[in-house]
Amino acid sequence: MIQKILIIIVSVSIFGLLLFVYVKNQVKKRIDFYLQEKTKKIKRHNNPRNFS
Protein backbone atom coordinates (compact mmCIF):
# COMPACT_ATOMS: atom_id res chain seq x y z
CA MET A 1 0.00 0.00 0.00
CA ILE A 2 2.73 2.47 0.95
CA GLN A 3 4.63 1.56 -2.20
CA LYS A 4 1.67 2.62 -4.37
CA ILE A 5 1.41 5.90 -2.49
CA LEU A 6 5.12 6.60 -2.99
CA ILE A 7 4.87 5.80 -6.71
CA ILE A 8 1.97 8.25 -7.05
CA ILE A 9 3.84 10.97 -5.14
CA VAL A 10 7.00 10.53 -7.22
CA SER A 11 5.03 10.49 -10.48
CA VAL A 12 3.13 13.66 -9.60
CA SER A 13 6.37 15.35 -8.51
CA ILE A 14 8.11 14.52 -11.79
CA PHE A 15 5.10 15.68 -13.82
CA GLY A 16 4.94 18.92 -11.82
CA LEU A 17 8.64 19.56 -12.35
CA LEU A 18 8.37 18.99 -16.11
CA LEU A 19 5.32 21.24 -16.32
CA PHE A 20 7.10 23.97 -14.33
CA VAL A 21 10.16 23.88 -16.62
CA TYR A 22 7.95 24.01 -19.73
CA VAL A 23 5.91 26.98 -18.46
CA LYS A 24 9.05 28.79 -17.31
CA ASN A 25 10.61 28.46 -20.77
CA GLN A 26 7.43 29.65 -22.50
CA VAL A 27 7.19 32.71 -20.25
CA LYS A 28 10.88 33.48 -20.83
CA LYS A 29 10.40 33.30 -24.61
CA ARG A 30 7.42 35.62 -24.45
CA ILE A 31 9.22 38.15 -22.23
CA ASP A 32 12.27 38.13 -24.50
CA PHE A 33 10.05 38.65 -27.55
CA TYR A 34 8.26 41.65 -26.02
CA LEU A 35 11.53 43.16 -24.81
CA GLN A 36 12.97 42.91 -28.32
CA GLU A 37 9.84 44.55 -29.75
CA LYS A 38 10.10 47.35 -27.21
CA THR A 39 13.77 47.99 -27.98
CA LYS A 40 12.99 48.04 -31.72
CA LYS A 41 10.29 50.66 -31.14
CA ILE A 42 12.62 52.74 -28.99
CA LYS A 43 15.39 52.56 -31.60
CA ARG A 44 12.97 53.54 -34.38
CA HIS A 45 11.58 56.36 -32.28
CA ASN A 46 15.03 57.76 -31.42
CA ASN A 47 16.36 57.54 -34.96
CA PRO A 48 16.75 61.15 -36.26
CA ARG A 49 16.37 60.06 -39.91
CA ASN A 50 12.98 58.55 -39.16
CA PHE A 51 10.35 61.29 -39.66
CA SER A 52 7.24 59.19 -39.09
PDB file of N, CA and C in Angstrom:
ATOM      1  N   MET A   1       0.832  -1.195   0.000  1.00  0.00           N
ATOM      2  CA  MET A   1       0.000   0.000   0.000  1.00  0.00           C
ATOM      3  C   MET A   1       0.874   1.255   0.000  1.00  0.00           C
ATOM      4  N   ILE A   2       1.875   1.291   0.868  1.00  0.00           N
ATOM      5  CA  ILE A   2       2.734   2.469   0.949  1.00  0.00           C
ATOM      6  C   ILE A   2       3.561   2.619  -0.322  1.00  0.00           C
ATOM      7  N   GLN A   3       3.863   1.494  -0.965  1.00  0.00           N
ATOM      8  CA  GLN A   3       4.633   1.555  -2.198  1.00  0.00           C
ATOM      9  C   GLN A   3       3.823   2.247  -3.304  1.00  0.00           C
ATOM     10  N   LYS A   4       2.526   1.970  -3.377  1.00  0.00           N
ATOM     11  CA  LYS A   4       1.673   2.616  -4.368  1.00  0.00           C
ATOM     12  C   LYS A   4       1.582   4.116  -4.114  1.00  0.00           C
ATOM     13  N   ILE A   5       1.487   4.482  -2.854  1.00  0.00           N
ATOM     14  CA  ILE A   5       1.408   5.903  -2.493  1.00  0.00           C
ATOM     15  C   ILE A   5       2.703   6.611  -2.884  1.00  0.00           C
ATOM     16  N   LEU A   6       3.836   5.989  -2.622  1.00  0.00           N
ATOM     17  CA  LEU A   6       5.118   6.595  -2.986  1.00  0.00           C
ATOM     18  C   LEU A   6       5.268   6.729  -4.501  1.00  0.00           C
ATOM     19  N   ILE A   7       4.805   5.727  -5.241  1.00  0.00           N
ATOM     20  CA  ILE A   7       4.865   5.797  -6.705  1.00  0.00           C
ATOM     21  C   ILE A   7       4.019   6.958  -7.212  1.00  0.00           C
ATOM     22  N   ILE A   8       2.844   7.144  -6.647  1.00  0.00           N
ATOM     23  CA  ILE A   8       1.973   8.249  -7.046  1.00  0.00           C
ATOM     24  C   ILE A   8       2.625   9.584  -6.725  1.00  0.00           C
ATOM     25  N   ILE A   9       3.200   9.713  -5.538  1.00  0.00           N
ATOM     26  CA  ILE A   9       3.835  10.968  -5.135  1.00  0.00           C
ATOM     27  C   ILE A   9       5.016  11.297  -6.046  1.00  0.00           C
ATOM     28  N   VAL A  10       5.849  10.306  -6.344  1.00  0.00           N
ATOM     29  CA  VAL A  10       7.000  10.530  -7.216  1.00  0.00           C
ATOM     30  C   VAL A  10       6.540  10.883  -8.624  1.00  0.00           C
ATOM     31  N   SER A  11       5.527  10.209  -9.134  1.00  0.00           N
ATOM     32  CA  SER A  11       5.025  10.494 -10.477  1.00  0.00           C
ATOM     33  C   SER A  11       4.473  11.907 -10.569  1.00  0.00           C
ATOM     34  N   VAL A  12       3.700  12.310  -9.596  1.00  0.00           N
ATOM     35  CA  VAL A  12       3.128  13.656  -9.598  1.00  0.00           C
ATOM     36  C   VAL A  12       4.244  14.698  -9.467  1.00  0.00           C
ATOM     37  N   SER A  13       5.251  14.409  -8.666  1.00  0.00           N
ATOM     38  CA  SER A  13       6.366  15.345  -8.514  1.00  0.00           C
ATOM     39  C   SER A  13       7.126  15.525  -9.828  1.00  0.00           C
ATOM     40  N   ILE A  14       7.398  14.438 -10.517  1.00  0.00           N
ATOM     41  CA  ILE A  14       8.107  14.516 -11.795  1.00  0.00           C
ATOM     42  C   ILE A  14       7.270  15.274 -12.815  1.00  0.00           C
ATOM     43  N   PHE A  15       5.985  14.977 -12.888  1.00  0.00           N
ATOM     44  CA  PHE A  15       5.100  15.678 -13.816  1.00  0.00           C
ATOM     45  C   PHE A  15       5.059  17.171 -13.497  1.00  0.00           C
ATOM     46  N   GLY A  16       4.967  17.516 -12.228  1.00  0.00           N
ATOM     47  CA  GLY A  16       4.944  18.918 -11.815  1.00  0.00           C
ATOM     48  C   GLY A  16       6.230  19.629 -12.175  1.00  0.00           C
ATOM     49  N   LEU A  17       7.355  18.975 -12.008  1.00  0.00           N
ATOM     50  CA  LEU A  17       8.639  19.562 -12.353  1.00  0.00           C
ATOM     51  C   LEU A  17       8.744  19.801 -13.857  1.00  0.00           C
ATOM     52  N   LEU A  18       8.335  18.833 -14.654  1.00  0.00           N
ATOM     53  CA  LEU A  18       8.372  18.992 -16.109  1.00  0.00           C
ATOM     54  C   LEU A  18       7.440  20.116 -16.562  1.00  0.00           C
ATOM     55  N   LEU A  19       6.264  20.181 -15.980  1.00  0.00           N
ATOM     56  CA  LEU A  19       5.318  21.237 -16.321  1.00  0.00           C
ATOM     57  C   LEU A  19       5.883  22.608 -15.938  1.00  0.00           C
ATOM     58  N   PHE A  20       6.506  22.708 -14.781  1.00  0.00           N
ATOM     59  CA  PHE A  20       7.103  23.967 -14.331  1.00  0.00           C
ATOM     60  C   PHE A  20       8.194  24.428 -15.295  1.00  0.00           C
ATOM     61  N   VAL A  21       9.072  23.518 -15.704  1.00  0.00           N
ATOM     62  CA  VAL A  21      10.157  23.876 -16.617  1.00  0.00           C
ATOM     63  C   VAL A  21       9.588  24.331 -17.958  1.00  0.00           C
ATOM     64  N   TYR A  22       8.570  23.641 -18.457  1.00  0.00           N
ATOM     65  CA  TYR A  22       7.946  24.011 -19.725  1.00  0.00           C
ATOM     66  C   TYR A  22       7.328  25.411 -19.654  1.00  0.00           C
ATOM     67  N   VAL A  23       6.562  25.674 -18.612  1.00  0.00           N
ATOM     68  CA  VAL A  23       5.907  26.978 -18.462  1.00  0.00           C
ATOM     69  C   VAL A  23       6.951  28.075 -18.285  1.00  0.00           C
ATOM     70  N   LYS A  24       7.991  27.800 -17.521  1.00  0.00           N
ATOM     71  CA  LYS A  24       9.046  28.792 -17.312  1.00  0.00           C
ATOM     72  C   LYS A  24       9.705  29.168 -18.636  1.00  0.00           C
ATOM     73  N   ASN A  25       9.989  28.185 -19.472  1.00  0.00           N
ATOM     74  CA  ASN A  25      10.609  28.456 -20.765  1.00  0.00           C
ATOM     75  C   ASN A  25       9.672  29.242 -21.684  1.00  0.00           C
ATOM     76  N   GLN A  26       8.384  28.923 -21.664  1.00  0.00           N
ATOM     77  CA  GLN A  26       7.430  29.645 -22.498  1.00  0.00           C
ATOM     78  C   GLN A  26       7.307  31.104 -22.061  1.00  0.00           C
ATOM     79  N   VAL A  27       7.276  31.342 -20.762  1.00  0.00           N
ATOM     80  CA  VAL A  27       7.189  32.709 -20.255  1.00  0.00           C
ATOM     81  C   VAL A  27       8.457  33.477 -20.600  1.00  0.00           C
ATOM     82  N   LYS A  28       9.608  32.824 -20.497  1.00  0.00           N
ATOM     83  CA  LYS A  28      10.875  33.482 -20.833  1.00  0.00           C
ATOM     84  C   LYS A  28      10.904  33.867 -22.308  1.00  0.00           C
ATOM     85  N   LYS A  29      10.450  32.983 -23.182  1.00  0.00           N
ATOM     86  CA  LYS A  29      10.405  33.298 -24.608  1.00  0.00           C
ATOM     87  C   LYS A  29       9.510  34.501 -24.871  1.00  0.00           C
ATOM     88  N   ARG A  30       8.362  34.531 -24.230  1.00  0.00           N
ATOM     89  CA  ARG A  30       7.422  35.624 -24.449  1.00  0.00           C
ATOM     90  C   ARG A  30       7.985  36.948 -23.941  1.00  0.00           C
ATOM     91  N   ILE A  31       8.621  36.930 -22.777  1.00  0.00           N
ATOM     92  CA  ILE A  31       9.216  38.151 -22.227  1.00  0.00           C
ATOM     93  C   ILE A  31      10.340  38.642 -23.126  1.00  0.00           C
ATOM     94  N   ASP A  32      11.185  37.736 -23.600  1.00  0.00           N
ATOM     95  CA  ASP A  32      12.273  38.129 -24.501  1.00  0.00           C
ATOM     96  C   ASP A  32      11.722  38.733 -25.793  1.00  0.00           C
ATOM     97  N   PHE A  33      10.661  38.138 -26.331  1.00  0.00           N
ATOM     98  CA  PHE A  33      10.048  38.652 -27.550  1.00  0.00           C
ATOM     99  C   PHE A  33       9.542  40.076 -27.342  1.00  0.00           C
ATOM    100  N   TYR A  34       8.818  40.320 -26.252  1.00  0.00           N
ATOM    101  CA  TYR A  34       8.264  41.651 -26.024  1.00  0.00           C
ATOM    102  C   TYR A  34       9.353  42.668 -25.701  1.00  0.00           C
ATOM    103  N   LEU A  35      10.424  42.238 -25.054  1.00  0.00           N
ATOM    104  CA  LEU A  35      11.534  43.155 -24.809  1.00  0.00           C
ATOM    105  C   LEU A  35      12.223  43.540 -26.117  1.00  0.00           C
ATOM    106  N   GLN A  36      12.377  42.596 -27.024  1.00  0.00           N
ATOM    107  CA  GLN A  36      12.966  42.912 -28.321  1.00  0.00           C
ATOM    108  C   GLN A  36      12.076  43.873 -29.100  1.00  0.00           C
ATOM    109  N   GLU A  37      10.767  43.646 -29.063  1.00  0.00           N
ATOM    110  CA  GLU A  37       9.840  44.550 -29.746  1.00  0.00           C
ATOM    111  C   GLU A  37       9.925  45.954 -29.158  1.00  0.00           C
ATOM    112  N   LYS A  38      10.029  46.043 -27.858  1.00  0.00           N
ATOM    113  CA  LYS A  38      10.101  47.349 -27.207  1.00  0.00           C
ATOM    114  C   LYS A  38      11.387  48.070 -27.591  1.00  0.00           C
ATOM    115  N   THR A  39      12.515  47.349 -27.616  1.00  0.00           N
ATOM    116  CA  THR A  39      13.774  47.988 -27.983  1.00  0.00           C
ATOM    117  C   THR A  39      13.766  48.403 -29.448  1.00  0.00           C
ATOM    118  N   LYS A  40      13.102  47.644 -30.317  1.00  0.00           N
ATOM    119  CA  LYS A  40      12.988  48.036 -31.720  1.00  0.00           C
ATOM    120  C   LYS A  40      12.199  49.335 -31.848  1.00  0.00           C
ATOM    121  N   LYS A  41      11.102  49.440 -31.092  1.00  0.00           N
ATOM    122  CA  LYS A  41      10.290  50.655 -31.143  1.00  0.00           C
ATOM    123  C   LYS A  41      11.067  51.851 -30.623  1.00  0.00           C
ATOM    124  N   ILE A  42      11.831  51.645 -29.556  1.00  0.00           N
ATOM    125  CA  ILE A  42      12.617  52.740 -28.987  1.00  0.00           C
ATOM    126  C   ILE A  42      13.690  53.176 -29.979  1.00  0.00           C
ATOM    127  N   LYS A  43      14.351  52.221 -30.627  1.00  0.00           N
ATOM    128  CA  LYS A  43      15.387  52.565 -31.597  1.00  0.00           C
ATOM    129  C   LYS A  43      14.785  53.305 -32.783  1.00  0.00           C
ATOM    130  N   ARG A  44      13.623  52.864 -33.269  1.00  0.00           N
ATOM    131  CA  ARG A  44      12.968  53.540 -34.378  1.00  0.00           C
ATOM    132  C   ARG A  44      12.536  54.944 -33.980  1.00  0.00           C
ATOM    133  N   HIS A  45      12.065  55.076 -32.763  1.00  0.00           N
ATOM    134  CA  HIS A  45      11.577  56.361 -32.280  1.00  0.00           C
ATOM    135  C   HIS A  45      12.727  57.352 -32.098  1.00  0.00           C
ATOM    136  N   ASN A  46      13.884  56.887 -31.686  1.00  0.00           N
ATOM    137  CA  ASN A  46      15.028  57.761 -31.425  1.00  0.00           C
ATOM    138  C   ASN A  46      15.900  58.004 -32.654  1.00  0.00           C
ATOM    139  N   ASN A  47      15.568  57.382 -33.759  1.00  0.00           N
ATOM    140  CA  ASN A  47      16.364  57.542 -34.963  1.00  0.00           C
ATOM    141  C   ASN A  47      16.046  58.903 -35.594  1.00  0.00           C
ATOM    142  N   PRO A  48      17.042  59.810 -35.738  1.00  0.00           N
ATOM    143  CA  PRO A  48      16.749  61.147 -36.262  1.00  0.00           C
ATOM    144  C   PRO A  48      16.364  61.150 -37.736  1.00  0.00           C
ATOM    145  N   ARG A  49      16.732  60.119 -38.504  1.00  0.00           N
ATOM    146  CA  ARG A  49      16.367  60.062 -39.910  1.00  0.00           C
ATOM    147  C   ARG A  49      14.953  59.554 -40.124  1.00  0.00           C
ATOM    148  N   ASN A  50      14.339  59.068 -39.063  1.00  0.00           N
ATOM    149  CA  ASN A  50      12.978  58.550 -39.163  1.00  0.00           C
ATOM    150  C   ASN A  50      12.008  59.701 -38.861  1.00  0.00           C
ATOM    151  N   PHE A  51      11.253  60.147 -39.853  1.00  0.00           N
ATOM    152  CA  PHE A  51      10.351  61.288 -39.662  1.00  0.00           C
ATOM    153  C   PHE A  51       8.911  60.880 -39.464  1.00  0.00           C
ATOM    154  N   SER A  52       8.637  59.616 -39.252  1.00  0.00           N
ATOM    155  CA  SER A  52       7.243  59.188 -39.094  1.00  0.00           C
ATOM    156  C   SER A  52       6.780  59.264 -37.683  1.00  0.00           C
TER     157      SER A  52
END
